Amino acid sequence: MDMSKGISESATVHISVAMLLKVGFLVAVVTGGWYQAQMQFANIEARLNDLHDEVVVLSSKVAKMEAEHIEELEHHNEELIETNRSLMQRLGLKKP
């Protein structure tokens, strides 16, 4: 066969059945792997969104708790100032 002519119109390609099956199996494996990866990514994304929602809820709850605690401390501070004032008045260190 003369290689300088290239491929002629009458050229035939012989593909063995075993090679065809191997290629088909490889395509199936790659497609299955891609599908599983996509499903895992979707699952991870859903879990990440759920965790984000939980963090937002917990963050708002913590902010509310902090505000209540600050209010409680301020009220306690006012009580301490009043108690201190009354004790100083009893000792005569401060005029009413």
N, C-alpha and C. Protein backbone atom coordinates (compact mmCIF):
# COMPACT_ATOMS: atom_id res chain seq x y z
N MET A 1 0.85 -1.18 0.00
CA MET A 1 0.00 0.00 0.00
C MET A 1 0.89 1.24 0.00
N ASP A 2 0.58 2.17 -0.82
CA ASP A 2 1.36 3.40 -0.93
C ASP A 2 0.78 4.45 -0.01
N MET A 3 1.56 4.95 0.96
CA MET A 3 1.08 5.89 1.97
C MET A 3 0.95 7.32 1.42
N SER A 4 1.53 7.59 0.32
CA SER A 4 1.48 8.95 -0.23
C SER A 4 0.11 9.29 -0.81
N LYS A 5 -0.70 8.30 -1.07
CA LYS A 5 -2.01 8.55 -1.66
C LYS A 5 -3.03 9.00 -0.63
N GLY A 6 -2.84 8.70 0.67
CA GLY A 6 -3.81 9.06 1.69
C GLY A 6 -4.88 7.99 1.77
N ILE A 7 -6.03 8.36 2.22
CA ILE A 7 -7.13 7.41 2.37
C ILE A 7 -7.98 7.46 1.11
N SER A 8 -8.20 6.33 0.54
CA SER A 8 -9.01 6.27 -0.67
C SER A 8 -10.47 6.08 -0.30
N GLU A 9 -11.34 6.24 -1.25
CA GLU A 9 -12.77 6.09 -1.02
C GLU A 9 -13.14 4.66 -0.69
N SER A 10 -12.38 3.74 -1.15
CA SER A 10 -12.71 2.33 -0.94
C SER A 10 -12.06 1.77 0.32
N ALA A 11 -11.41 2.61 1.11
CA ALA A 11 -10.75 2.13 2.33
C ALA A 11 -11.81 1.68 3.34
N THR A 12 -11.53 0.60 3.99
CA THR A 12 -12.45 0.10 5.01
C THR A 12 -11.75 0.14 6.36
N VAL A 13 -12.54 0.34 7.40
CA VAL A 13 -11.99 0.36 8.75
C VAL A 13 -12.50 -0.87 9.46
N HIS A 14 -11.61 -1.59 10.05
CA HIS A 14 -11.98 -2.79 10.78
C HIS A 14 -11.89 -2.50 12.27
N ILE A 15 -13.03 -2.62 12.94
CA ILE A 15 -13.07 -2.42 14.39
C ILE A 15 -13.47 -3.75 15.00
N SER A 16 -12.68 -4.19 15.92
CA SER A 16 -13.03 -5.47 16.55
C SER A 16 -14.16 -5.26 17.55
N VAL A 17 -14.94 -6.28 17.74
CA VAL A 17 -16.07 -6.22 18.67
C VAL A 17 -15.55 -5.98 20.09
N ALA A 18 -14.43 -6.60 20.44
CA ALA A 18 -13.86 -6.42 21.79
C ALA A 18 -13.49 -4.96 22.02
N MET A 19 -12.87 -4.35 21.02
CA MET A 19 -12.48 -2.93 21.16
C MET A 19 -13.72 -2.06 21.27
N LEU A 20 -14.75 -2.36 20.51
CA LEU A 20 -16.00 -1.60 20.56
C LEU A 20 -16.64 -1.71 21.95
N LEU A 21 -16.64 -2.91 22.52
CA LEU A 21 -17.18 -3.11 23.86
C LEU A 21 -16.37 -2.35 24.92
N LYS A 22 -15.04 -2.36 24.77
CA LYS A 22 -14.18 -1.65 25.72
C LYS A 22 -14.45 -0.15 25.68
N VAL A 23 -14.58 0.39 24.49
CA VAL A 23 -14.87 1.82 24.34
C VAL A 23 -16.24 2.15 24.92
N GLY A 24 -17.22 1.29 24.64
CA GLY A 24 -18.57 1.51 25.20
C GLY A 24 -18.55 1.46 26.72
N PHE A 25 -17.81 0.50 27.27
CA PHE A 25 -17.69 0.40 28.73
C PHE A 25 -17.01 1.64 29.29
N LEU A 26 -15.96 2.11 28.65
CA LEU A 26 -15.25 3.31 29.11
C LEU A 26 -16.17 4.53 29.10
N VAL A 27 -16.95 4.67 28.04
CA VAL A 27 -17.90 5.79 27.97
C VAL A 27 -18.94 5.68 29.09
N ALA A 28 -19.42 4.47 29.35
CA ALA A 28 -20.41 4.27 30.41
C ALA A 28 -19.81 4.60 31.78
N VAL A 29 -18.57 4.19 32.02
CA VAL A 29 -17.91 4.46 33.30
C VAL A 29 -17.71 5.96 33.49
N VAL A 30 -17.24 6.63 32.46
CA VAL A 30 -17.02 8.08 32.56
C VAL A 30 -18.34 8.81 32.77
N THR A 31 -19.38 8.42 32.04
CA THR A 31 -20.69 9.05 32.19
C THR A 31 -21.25 8.79 33.59
N GLY A 32 -21.14 7.57 34.08
CA GLY A 32 -21.61 7.24 35.43
C GLY A 32 -20.86 8.01 36.50
N GLY A 33 -19.56 8.12 36.34
CA GLY A 33 -18.74 8.89 37.29
C GLY A 33 -19.13 10.35 37.30
N TRP A 34 -19.35 10.91 36.12
CA TRP A 34 -19.75 12.32 36.03
C TRP A 34 -21.10 12.52 36.71
N TYR A 35 -22.03 11.61 36.47
CA TYR A 35 -23.36 11.71 37.07
C TYR A 35 -23.28 11.63 38.59
N GLN A 36 -22.49 10.70 39.11
CA GLN A 36 -22.33 10.58 40.56
C GLN A 36 -21.69 11.83 41.15
N ALA A 37 -20.71 12.38 40.47
CA ALA A 37 -20.07 13.60 40.95
C ALA A 37 -21.08 14.75 40.99
N GLN A 38 -21.91 14.86 39.97
CA GLN A 38 -22.92 15.91 39.95
C GLN A 38 -23.91 15.74 41.10
N MET A 39 -24.30 14.51 41.38
CA MET A 39 -25.23 14.24 42.47
C MET A 39 -24.59 14.59 43.82
N GLN A 40 -23.32 14.27 43.98
CA GLN A 40 -22.61 14.60 45.22
C GLN A 40 -22.51 16.12 45.39
N PHE A 41 -22.22 16.82 44.31
CA PHE A 41 -22.13 18.28 44.38
C PHE A 41 -23.48 18.88 44.76
N ALA A 42 -24.55 18.35 44.20
CA ALA A 42 -25.89 18.85 44.53
C ALA A 42 -26.20 18.57 46.00
N ASN A 43 -25.82 17.40 46.49
CA ASN A 43 -26.05 17.05 47.89
C ASN A 43 -25.25 17.97 48.81
N ILE A 44 -24.01 18.20 48.48
CA ILE A 44 -23.16 19.08 49.29
C ILE A 44 -23.70 20.51 49.28
N GLU A 45 -24.15 20.97 48.13
CA GLU A 45 -24.71 22.32 48.04
C GLU A 45 -25.96 22.46 48.89
N ALA A 46 -26.82 21.44 48.89
CA ALA A 46 -28.03 21.48 49.71
C ALA A 46 -27.68 21.50 51.19
N ARG A 47 -26.72 20.67 51.59
CA ARG A 47 -26.29 20.67 52.99
C ARG A 47 -25.67 22.01 53.38
N LEU A 48 -24.89 22.59 52.48
CA LEU A 48 -24.27 23.88 52.75
C LEU A 48 -25.32 24.97 52.92
N ASN A 49 -26.36 24.95 52.10
CA ASN A 49 -27.44 25.93 52.23
C ASN A 49 -28.18 25.75 53.54
N ASP A 50 -28.42 24.49 53.94
CA ASP A 50 -29.07 24.23 55.23
C ASP A 50 -28.22 24.75 56.39
N LEU A 51 -26.93 24.49 56.33
CA LEU A 51 -26.03 24.97 57.39
C LEU A 51 -26.00 26.50 57.43
N HIS A 52 -26.02 27.13 56.26
CA HIS A 52 -26.03 28.59 56.22
C HIS A 52 -27.29 29.13 56.89
N ASP A 53 -28.42 28.51 56.60
CA ASP A 53 -29.68 28.94 57.21
C ASP A 53 -29.63 28.77 58.73
N GLU A 54 -29.05 27.66 59.20
CA GLU A 54 -28.94 27.44 60.64
C GLU A 54 -28.03 28.48 61.29
N VAL A 55 -26.94 28.82 60.62
CA VAL A 55 -26.02 29.82 61.16
C VAL A 55 -26.71 31.18 61.27
N VAL A 56 -27.50 31.52 60.27
CA VAL A 56 -28.22 32.80 60.30
C VAL A 56 -29.20 32.83 61.47
N VAL A 57 -29.93 31.73 61.67
CA VAL A 57 -30.89 31.66 62.77
C VAL A 57 -30.17 31.74 64.11
N LEU A 58 -29.10 30.96 64.26
CA LEU A 58 -28.35 30.98 65.51
C LEU A 58 -27.72 32.35 65.77
N SER A 59 -27.25 32.98 64.75
CA SER A 59 -26.65 34.30 64.89
C SER A 59 -27.68 35.31 65.40
N SER A 60 -28.89 35.25 64.86
CA SER A 60 -29.93 36.18 65.32
C SER A 60 -30.32 35.87 66.76
N LYS A 61 -30.36 34.58 67.13
CA LYS A 61 -30.68 34.22 68.51
C LYS A 61 -29.60 34.71 69.47
N VAL A 62 -28.34 34.56 69.09
CA VAL A 62 -27.24 35.02 69.93
C VAL A 62 -27.29 36.54 70.08
N ALA A 63 -27.58 37.25 69.01
CA ALA A 63 -27.68 38.71 69.08
C ALA A 63 -28.79 39.12 70.04
N LYS A 64 -29.91 38.42 69.99
CA LYS A 64 -31.02 38.71 70.90
C LYS A 64 -30.61 38.43 72.34
N MET A 65 -29.94 37.30 72.56
CA MET A 65 -29.48 36.96 73.91
C MET A 65 -28.49 37.99 74.44
N GLU A 66 -27.58 38.45 73.58
CA GLU A 66 -26.61 39.47 73.98
C GLU A 66 -27.32 40.76 74.38
N ALA A 67 -28.31 41.15 73.60
CA ALA A 67 -29.06 42.38 73.91
C ALA A 67 -29.77 42.24 75.26
N GLU A 68 -30.38 41.08 75.50
CA GLU A 68 -31.05 40.86 76.79
C GLU A 68 -30.06 40.88 77.93
N HIS A 69 -28.91 40.29 77.73
CA HIS A 69 -27.88 40.25 78.78
C HIS A 69 -27.35 41.65 79.08
N ILE A 70 -27.13 42.43 78.05
CA ILE A 70 -26.66 43.81 78.25
C ILE A 70 -27.70 44.61 79.01
N GLU A 71 -28.96 44.44 78.66
CA GLU A 71 -30.03 45.14 79.36
C GLU A 71 -30.07 44.71 80.83
N GLU A 72 -29.89 43.43 81.07
CA GLU A 72 -29.87 42.91 82.44
C GLU A 72 -28.71 43.51 83.23
N LEU A 73 -27.53 43.57 82.60
CA LEU A 73 -26.36 44.14 83.27
C LEU A 73 -26.55 45.62 83.56
N GLU A 74 -27.14 46.34 82.62
CA GLU A 74 -27.38 47.76 82.86
C GLU A 74 -28.35 47.97 84.01
N HIS A 75 -29.39 47.15 84.09
CA HIS A 75 -30.35 47.25 85.19
C HIS A 75 -29.66 46.91 86.52
N HIS A 76 -28.83 45.87 86.52
CA HIS A 76 -28.09 45.49 87.72
C HIS A 76 -27.13 46.61 88.12
N ASN A 77 -26.50 47.24 87.15
CA ASN A 77 -25.59 48.35 87.43
C ASN A 77 -26.33 49.51 88.08
N GLU A 78 -27.52 49.82 87.60
CA GLU A 78 -28.33 50.89 88.20
C GLU A 78 -28.68 50.55 89.64
N GLU A 79 -29.01 49.28 89.91
CA GLU A 79 -29.31 48.87 91.27
C GLU A 79 -28.09 49.02 92.17
N LEU A 80 -26.93 48.66 91.65
CA LEU A 80 -25.71 48.79 92.44
C LEU A 80 -25.37 50.25 92.72
N ILE A 81 -25.59 51.10 91.75
CA ILE A 81 -25.33 52.54 91.96
C ILE A 81 -26.26 53.08 93.03
N GLU A 82 -27.54 52.68 92.98
CA GLU A 82 -28.51 53.12 93.98
C GLU A 82 -28.15 52.60 95.36
N THR A 83 -27.75 51.33 95.45
CA THR A 83 -27.33 50.76 96.74
C THR A 83 -26.10 51.47 97.26
N ASN A 84 -25.16 51.74 96.41
CA ASN A 84 -23.94 52.45 96.79
C ASN A 84 -24.27 53.85 97.30
N ARG A 85 -25.17 54.52 96.59
CA ARG A 85 -25.57 55.87 96.98
C ARG A 85 -26.21 55.85 98.38
N SER A 86 -27.12 54.89 98.62
CA SER A 86 -27.80 54.83 99.91
C SER A 86 -26.83 54.48 101.04
N LEU A 87 -25.85 53.62 100.77
CA LEU A 87 -24.85 53.28 101.79
C LEU A 87 -23.96 54.48 102.11
N MET A 88 -23.60 55.22 101.07
CA MET A 88 -22.76 56.41 101.30
C MET A 88 -23.54 57.46 102.08
N GLN A 89 -24.85 57.58 101.83
CA GLN A 89 -25.67 58.52 102.58
C GLN A 89 -25.76 58.11 104.05
N ARG A 90 -25.89 56.80 104.31
CA ARG A 90 -25.95 56.30 105.68
C ARG A 90 -24.65 56.58 106.42
N LEU A 91 -23.56 56.48 105.70
CA LEU A 91 -22.27 56.75 106.33
C LEU A 91 -21.97 58.24 106.42
N GLY A 92 -22.78 59.03 105.80
CA GLY A 92 -22.60 60.47 105.83
C GLY A 92 -21.57 60.97 104.87
N LEU A 93 -21.18 60.16 103.90
CA LEU A 93 -20.16 60.57 102.92
C LEU A 93 -20.77 61.31 101.73
N LYS A 94 -22.08 61.20 101.61
CA LYS A 94 -22.73 61.84 100.48
C LYS A 94 -24.06 62.39 100.96
N LYS A 95 -24.37 63.61 100.50
CA LYS A 95 -25.62 64.23 100.92
C LYS A 95 -26.74 63.77 100.00
N PRO A 96 -27.97 63.65 100.57
CA PRO A 96 -29.11 63.17 99.77
C PRO A 96 -29.52 64.10 98.66
